[in-house]
Amino acid sequence: MMVEKTDSGFSAYADNYPIYTTGKTIPELINNAFEAAELYFESDNIQLSHRDIKFEVDFQQFFQYYKVLNAKFLAEKIGMNPTLLSQYVQGHKKPSAKQTNKILTGIHQIGQELSGINLFQRP
């Protein structure tokens, strides 16, 4: 599903099916998209899981929403020139498929690292 930022949150639509939805946040959008897809495929008795639905968002919107992910940090982590990644984020340049994969792999790696962290407070 293609994700776009709107004035009130986010919208998503499927290219190949008449499935459209909105949400104020990305997690809400993901849940709404899953429900919309389930409703669409219900009459065909097709069971979906959350893994069946893939979301695509452009670089600018991704970095605007996930401000916690610093483009300079990501560039250093994946061995990319920070200025080049900044140009992708700002929409001045479009990354190749190879560069897009490199960036996405780095984002997924950071996500895995963060999901394995537990925080605690010292007494």
N, C-alpha and C. Protein backbone atom coordinates (compact mmCIF):
# COMPACT_ATOMS: atom_id res chain seq x y z
N MET A 1 0.85 -1.17 0.00
CA MET A 1 0.00 0.00 0.00
C MET A 1 0.89 1.23 0.00
N MET A 2 0.48 2.22 -0.75
CA MET A 2 1.21 3.48 -0.81
C MET A 2 0.70 4.38 0.32
N VAL A 3 1.62 4.97 1.07
CA VAL A 3 1.28 5.82 2.20
C VAL A 3 1.59 7.27 1.83
N GLU A 4 0.66 8.16 2.16
CA GLU A 4 0.86 9.59 1.92
C GLU A 4 0.46 10.37 3.16
N LYS A 5 1.18 11.43 3.42
CA LYS A 5 0.87 12.33 4.53
C LYS A 5 -0.28 13.23 4.10
N THR A 6 -1.24 13.43 5.02
CA THR A 6 -2.36 14.33 4.75
C THR A 6 -2.40 15.40 5.84
N ASP A 7 -3.28 16.35 5.71
CA ASP A 7 -3.41 17.40 6.73
C ASP A 7 -3.86 16.84 8.07
N SER A 8 -4.62 15.74 8.05
CA SER A 8 -5.14 15.18 9.30
C SER A 8 -4.44 13.90 9.74
N GLY A 9 -3.41 13.48 9.04
CA GLY A 9 -2.69 12.26 9.40
C GLY A 9 -2.07 11.61 8.18
N PHE A 10 -2.57 10.40 7.86
CA PHE A 10 -2.01 9.64 6.75
C PHE A 10 -3.13 8.94 5.99
N SER A 11 -2.87 8.66 4.72
CA SER A 11 -3.79 7.85 3.93
C SER A 11 -2.97 6.75 3.26
N ALA A 12 -3.66 5.66 2.89
CA ALA A 12 -3.00 4.56 2.20
C ALA A 12 -3.96 4.00 1.17
N TYR A 13 -3.39 3.55 0.08
CA TYR A 13 -4.20 2.93 -0.98
C TYR A 13 -3.39 1.82 -1.64
N ALA A 14 -4.13 0.83 -2.13
CA ALA A 14 -3.51 -0.29 -2.84
C ALA A 14 -3.54 0.00 -4.33
N ASP A 15 -2.46 -0.31 -5.01
CA ASP A 15 -2.40 -0.10 -6.46
C ASP A 15 -3.30 -1.07 -7.22
N ASN A 16 -3.36 -2.32 -6.76
CA ASN A 16 -4.04 -3.36 -7.53
C ASN A 16 -5.46 -3.69 -7.07
N TYR A 17 -5.90 -3.09 -5.96
CA TYR A 17 -7.23 -3.38 -5.42
C TYR A 17 -7.88 -2.08 -4.97
N PRO A 18 -9.21 -2.04 -4.95
CA PRO A 18 -9.89 -0.81 -4.48
C PRO A 18 -9.93 -0.75 -2.95
N ILE A 19 -8.75 -0.65 -2.37
CA ILE A 19 -8.64 -0.58 -0.91
C ILE A 19 -7.99 0.76 -0.56
N TYR A 20 -8.71 1.54 0.24
CA TYR A 20 -8.24 2.87 0.66
C TYR A 20 -8.55 3.02 2.15
N THR A 21 -7.72 3.74 2.87
CA THR A 21 -7.99 4.00 4.28
C THR A 21 -7.18 5.20 4.76
N THR A 22 -7.48 5.64 5.97
CA THR A 22 -6.76 6.76 6.59
C THR A 22 -6.47 6.42 8.05
N GLY A 23 -5.62 7.23 8.66
CA GLY A 23 -5.31 7.10 10.08
C GLY A 23 -4.58 8.34 10.55
N LYS A 24 -4.76 8.68 11.81
CA LYS A 24 -4.08 9.85 12.36
C LYS A 24 -2.60 9.59 12.57
N THR A 25 -2.25 8.32 12.84
CA THR A 25 -0.86 7.93 13.06
C THR A 25 -0.54 6.74 12.16
N ILE A 26 0.73 6.43 12.03
CA ILE A 26 1.14 5.27 11.23
C ILE A 26 0.58 3.97 11.83
N PRO A 27 0.70 3.74 13.15
CA PRO A 27 0.11 2.50 13.69
C PRO A 27 -1.39 2.39 13.43
N GLU A 28 -2.11 3.50 13.56
CA GLU A 28 -3.56 3.48 13.28
C GLU A 28 -3.81 3.18 11.81
N LEU A 29 -3.02 3.77 10.93
CA LEU A 29 -3.14 3.53 9.49
C LEU A 29 -2.91 2.06 9.17
N ILE A 30 -1.90 1.46 9.78
CA ILE A 30 -1.60 0.05 9.54
C ILE A 30 -2.78 -0.83 9.96
N ASN A 31 -3.33 -0.56 11.13
CA ASN A 31 -4.49 -1.34 11.59
C ASN A 31 -5.70 -1.14 10.69
N ASN A 32 -5.96 0.11 10.28
CA ASN A 32 -7.09 0.39 9.40
C ASN A 32 -6.91 -0.27 8.03
N ALA A 33 -5.69 -0.28 7.53
CA ALA A 33 -5.41 -0.90 6.24
C ALA A 33 -5.64 -2.41 6.31
N PHE A 34 -5.23 -3.02 7.42
CA PHE A 34 -5.44 -4.45 7.59
C PHE A 34 -6.94 -4.76 7.62
N GLU A 35 -7.70 -3.97 8.37
CA GLU A 35 -9.15 -4.17 8.44
C GLU A 35 -9.81 -3.98 7.07
N ALA A 36 -9.38 -2.96 6.34
CA ALA A 36 -9.95 -2.70 5.01
C ALA A 36 -9.64 -3.85 4.05
N ALA A 37 -8.43 -4.37 4.12
CA ALA A 37 -8.05 -5.49 3.25
C ALA A 37 -8.83 -6.75 3.64
N GLU A 38 -8.99 -6.98 4.93
CA GLU A 38 -9.78 -8.14 5.38
C GLU A 38 -11.21 -8.06 4.86
N LEU A 39 -11.81 -6.87 4.94
CA LEU A 39 -13.17 -6.68 4.44
C LEU A 39 -13.26 -6.93 2.94
N TYR A 40 -12.27 -6.43 2.21
CA TYR A 40 -12.28 -6.60 0.76
C TYR A 40 -12.19 -8.08 0.37
N PHE A 41 -11.34 -8.84 1.04
CA PHE A 41 -11.12 -10.24 0.68
C PHE A 41 -12.04 -11.21 1.42
N GLU A 42 -12.89 -10.70 2.29
CA GLU A 42 -13.78 -11.54 3.10
C GLU A 42 -14.68 -12.43 2.24
N SER A 43 -15.27 -11.89 1.19
CA SER A 43 -16.19 -12.66 0.36
C SER A 43 -15.48 -13.78 -0.40
N ASP A 44 -14.16 -13.66 -0.58
CA ASP A 44 -13.38 -14.70 -1.26
C ASP A 44 -12.82 -15.72 -0.27
N ASN A 45 -13.16 -15.56 1.03
CA ASN A 45 -12.65 -16.45 2.08
C ASN A 45 -11.13 -16.51 2.13
N ILE A 46 -10.49 -15.37 1.89
CA ILE A 46 -9.03 -15.28 1.96
C ILE A 46 -8.67 -14.73 3.33
N GLN A 47 -7.84 -15.47 4.04
CA GLN A 47 -7.38 -15.04 5.36
C GLN A 47 -6.06 -14.29 5.20
N LEU A 48 -5.97 -13.12 5.80
CA LEU A 48 -4.76 -12.31 5.73
C LEU A 48 -4.08 -12.24 7.08
N SER A 49 -2.77 -11.99 7.05
CA SER A 49 -2.04 -11.65 8.26
C SER A 49 -1.42 -10.28 8.03
N HIS A 50 -0.96 -9.66 9.08
CA HIS A 50 -0.34 -8.34 8.93
C HIS A 50 0.87 -8.39 8.00
N ARG A 51 1.52 -9.53 7.89
CA ARG A 51 2.69 -9.66 7.01
C ARG A 51 2.31 -9.65 5.53
N ASP A 52 1.03 -9.86 5.23
CA ASP A 52 0.59 -9.87 3.84
C ASP A 52 0.48 -8.47 3.25
N ILE A 53 0.48 -7.47 4.10
CA ILE A 53 0.31 -6.09 3.63
C ILE A 53 1.63 -5.34 3.78
N LYS A 54 2.13 -4.84 2.68
CA LYS A 54 3.39 -4.08 2.68
C LYS A 54 3.08 -2.61 2.46
N PHE A 55 3.81 -1.75 3.15
CA PHE A 55 3.59 -0.31 3.05
C PHE A 55 4.80 0.35 2.42
N GLU A 56 4.53 1.31 1.55
CA GLU A 56 5.59 2.07 0.91
C GLU A 56 5.37 3.55 1.21
N VAL A 57 6.44 4.20 1.62
CA VAL A 57 6.39 5.62 1.95
C VAL A 57 7.64 6.27 1.36
N ASP A 58 7.52 7.49 0.87
CA ASP A 58 8.70 8.13 0.29
C ASP A 58 9.64 8.62 1.39
N PHE A 59 10.88 8.89 0.99
CA PHE A 59 11.92 9.26 1.95
C PHE A 59 11.55 10.46 2.79
N GLN A 60 11.05 11.52 2.16
CA GLN A 60 10.71 12.73 2.90
C GLN A 60 9.69 12.44 3.98
N GLN A 61 8.62 11.75 3.64
CA GLN A 61 7.56 11.47 4.60
C GLN A 61 8.07 10.56 5.71
N PHE A 62 8.90 9.59 5.36
CA PHE A 62 9.45 8.68 6.37
C PHE A 62 10.24 9.44 7.41
N PHE A 63 11.16 10.29 6.96
CA PHE A 63 12.02 11.01 7.90
C PHE A 63 11.27 12.13 8.62
N GLN A 64 10.20 12.65 8.04
CA GLN A 64 9.38 13.63 8.75
C GLN A 64 8.64 12.97 9.90
N TYR A 65 8.13 11.76 9.68
CA TYR A 65 7.36 11.08 10.72
C TYR A 65 8.28 10.47 11.78
N TYR A 66 9.34 9.80 11.34
CA TYR A 66 10.26 9.16 12.27
C TYR A 66 11.46 10.08 12.52
N LYS A 67 11.18 11.20 13.15
CA LYS A 67 12.22 12.20 13.42
C LYS A 67 13.30 11.68 14.35
N VAL A 68 12.98 10.63 15.09
CA VAL A 68 13.95 10.04 16.00
C VAL A 68 15.12 9.42 15.22
N LEU A 69 14.88 9.08 13.96
CA LEU A 69 15.94 8.51 13.13
C LEU A 69 16.63 9.64 12.38
N ASN A 70 17.82 9.94 12.80
CA ASN A 70 18.60 11.02 12.23
C ASN A 70 19.26 10.55 10.94
N ALA A 71 19.07 11.32 9.87
CA ALA A 71 19.61 10.93 8.57
C ALA A 71 21.13 10.85 8.60
N LYS A 72 21.78 11.74 9.33
CA LYS A 72 23.25 11.72 9.40
C LYS A 72 23.72 10.43 10.10
N PHE A 73 23.03 10.08 11.19
CA PHE A 73 23.37 8.85 11.91
C PHE A 73 23.20 7.63 11.00
N LEU A 74 22.06 7.59 10.29
CA LEU A 74 21.79 6.47 9.39
C LEU A 74 22.85 6.40 8.30
N ALA A 75 23.21 7.53 7.71
CA ALA A 75 24.21 7.55 6.65
C ALA A 75 25.54 6.98 7.15
N GLU A 76 25.95 7.39 8.33
CA GLU A 76 27.20 6.88 8.89
C GLU A 76 27.10 5.38 9.16
N LYS A 77 25.95 4.94 9.62
CA LYS A 77 25.74 3.53 9.97
C LYS A 77 25.83 2.64 8.72
N ILE A 78 25.34 3.13 7.59
CA ILE A 78 25.32 2.30 6.37
C ILE A 78 26.47 2.64 5.42
N GLY A 79 27.33 3.54 5.82
CA GLY A 79 28.48 3.88 4.97
C GLY A 79 28.12 4.70 3.75
N MET A 80 27.19 5.62 3.92
CA MET A 80 26.76 6.48 2.82
C MET A 80 27.14 7.93 3.14
N ASN A 81 27.39 8.68 2.13
CA ASN A 81 27.69 10.10 2.31
C ASN A 81 26.46 10.78 2.91
N PRO A 82 26.61 11.44 4.08
CA PRO A 82 25.45 12.09 4.72
C PRO A 82 24.79 13.15 3.85
N THR A 83 25.56 13.85 3.05
CA THR A 83 25.00 14.87 2.17
C THR A 83 24.11 14.22 1.11
N LEU A 84 24.54 13.08 0.60
CA LEU A 84 23.76 12.39 -0.42
C LEU A 84 22.43 11.91 0.18
N LEU A 85 22.49 11.30 1.37
CA LEU A 85 21.25 10.84 2.00
C LEU A 85 20.33 12.02 2.30
N SER A 86 20.90 13.13 2.71
CA SER A 86 20.11 14.34 2.96
C SER A 86 19.40 14.80 1.69
N GLN A 87 20.07 14.70 0.56
CA GLN A 87 19.45 15.08 -0.71
C GLN A 87 18.29 14.15 -1.06
N TYR A 88 18.42 12.87 -0.73
CA TYR A 88 17.32 11.93 -0.93
C TYR A 88 16.14 12.31 -0.03
N VAL A 89 16.45 12.57 1.24
CA VAL A 89 15.41 12.90 2.22
C VAL A 89 14.66 14.17 1.82
N GLN A 90 15.38 15.16 1.32
CA GLN A 90 14.76 16.43 0.94
C GLN A 90 14.09 16.38 -0.43
N GLY A 91 14.26 15.28 -1.14
CA GLY A 91 13.63 15.13 -2.44
C GLY A 91 14.39 15.78 -3.58
N HIS A 92 15.64 16.21 -3.33
CA HIS A 92 16.43 16.83 -4.39
C HIS A 92 16.99 15.81 -5.37
N LYS A 93 17.21 14.59 -4.86
CA LYS A 93 17.69 13.50 -5.70
C LYS A 93 16.86 12.27 -5.40
N LYS A 94 16.84 11.35 -6.35
CA LYS A 94 16.11 10.10 -6.19
C LYS A 94 17.13 8.96 -6.12
N PRO A 95 17.05 8.13 -5.07
CA PRO A 95 18.03 7.04 -4.96
C PRO A 95 17.76 5.93 -5.96
N SER A 96 18.83 5.26 -6.38
CA SER A 96 18.69 4.09 -7.24
C SER A 96 18.09 2.96 -6.43
N ALA A 97 17.72 1.89 -7.09
CA ALA A 97 17.18 0.73 -6.39
C ALA A 97 18.22 0.16 -5.42
N LYS A 98 19.47 0.16 -5.81
CA LYS A 98 20.55 -0.35 -4.95
C LYS A 98 20.69 0.53 -3.70
N GLN A 99 20.66 1.84 -3.88
CA GLN A 99 20.77 2.77 -2.75
C GLN A 99 19.54 2.64 -1.84
N THR A 100 18.37 2.52 -2.44
CA THR A 100 17.14 2.36 -1.65
C THR A 100 17.23 1.11 -0.79
N ASN A 101 17.71 0.02 -1.36
CA ASN A 101 17.85 -1.23 -0.61
C ASN A 101 18.87 -1.07 0.53
N LYS A 102 19.95 -0.38 0.26
CA LYS A 102 20.97 -0.14 1.28
C LYS A 102 20.38 0.66 2.45
N ILE A 103 19.61 1.68 2.14
CA ILE A 103 18.99 2.53 3.16
C ILE A 103 17.96 1.72 3.96
N LEU A 104 17.13 0.97 3.26
CA LEU A 104 16.11 0.17 3.92
C LEU A 104 16.73 -0.91 4.81
N THR A 105 17.79 -1.53 4.35
CA THR A 105 18.49 -2.53 5.16
C THR A 105 19.03 -1.88 6.43
N GLY A 106 19.58 -0.68 6.32
CA GLY A 106 20.07 0.04 7.49
C GLY A 106 18.96 0.39 8.46
N ILE A 107 17.82 0.82 7.95
CA ILE A 107 16.66 1.15 8.80
C ILE A 107 16.18 -0.10 9.53
N HIS A 108 16.10 -1.22 8.82
CA HIS A 108 15.67 -2.47 9.44
C HIS A 108 16.67 -2.92 10.51
N GLN A 109 17.95 -2.75 10.23
CA GLN A 109 18.98 -3.12 11.21
C GLN A 109 18.84 -2.30 12.48
N ILE A 110 18.62 -1.01 12.33
CA ILE A 110 18.43 -0.14 13.50
C ILE A 110 17.18 -0.56 14.26
N GLY A 111 16.11 -0.88 13.53
CA GLY A 111 14.87 -1.34 14.16
C GLY A 111 15.09 -2.61 14.97
N GLN A 112 15.86 -3.55 14.42
CA GLN A 112 16.15 -4.78 15.15
C GLN A 112 16.98 -4.50 16.40
N GLU A 113 17.95 -3.60 16.27
CA GLU A 113 18.78 -3.24 17.42
C GLU A 113 17.92 -2.62 18.52
N LEU A 114 17.04 -1.71 18.13
CA LEU A 114 16.19 -1.04 19.11
C LEU A 114 15.21 -2.01 19.77
N SER A 115 14.68 -2.95 18.99
CA SER A 115 13.71 -3.89 19.56
C SER A 115 14.35 -4.83 20.58
N GLY A 116 15.67 -4.97 20.53
CA GLY A 116 16.35 -5.85 21.47
C GLY A 116 16.83 -5.15 22.74
N ILE A 117 16.53 -3.87 22.87
CA ILE A 117 16.99 -3.09 24.02
C ILE A 117 15.92 -3.04 25.09
N ASN A 118 16.31 -3.24 26.33
CA ASN A 118 15.45 -3.03 27.49
C ASN A 118 16.04 -1.89 28.31
N LEU A 119 15.22 -0.97 28.73
CA LEU A 119 15.69 0.17 29.52
C LEU A 119 15.41 -0.06 31.00
N PHE A 120 16.25 0.47 31.83
CA PHE A 120 16.04 0.39 33.26
C PHE A 120 16.53 1.68 33.89
N GLN A 121 16.07 1.95 35.10
CA GLN A 121 16.53 3.12 35.85
C GLN A 121 17.43 2.66 36.97
N ARG A 122 18.51 3.36 37.15
CA ARG A 122 19.39 3.05 38.27
C ARG A 122 18.76 3.54 39.57
N PRO A 123 18.92 2.75 40.61
CA PRO A 123 18.35 3.17 41.90
C PRO A 123 19.04 4.38 42.48
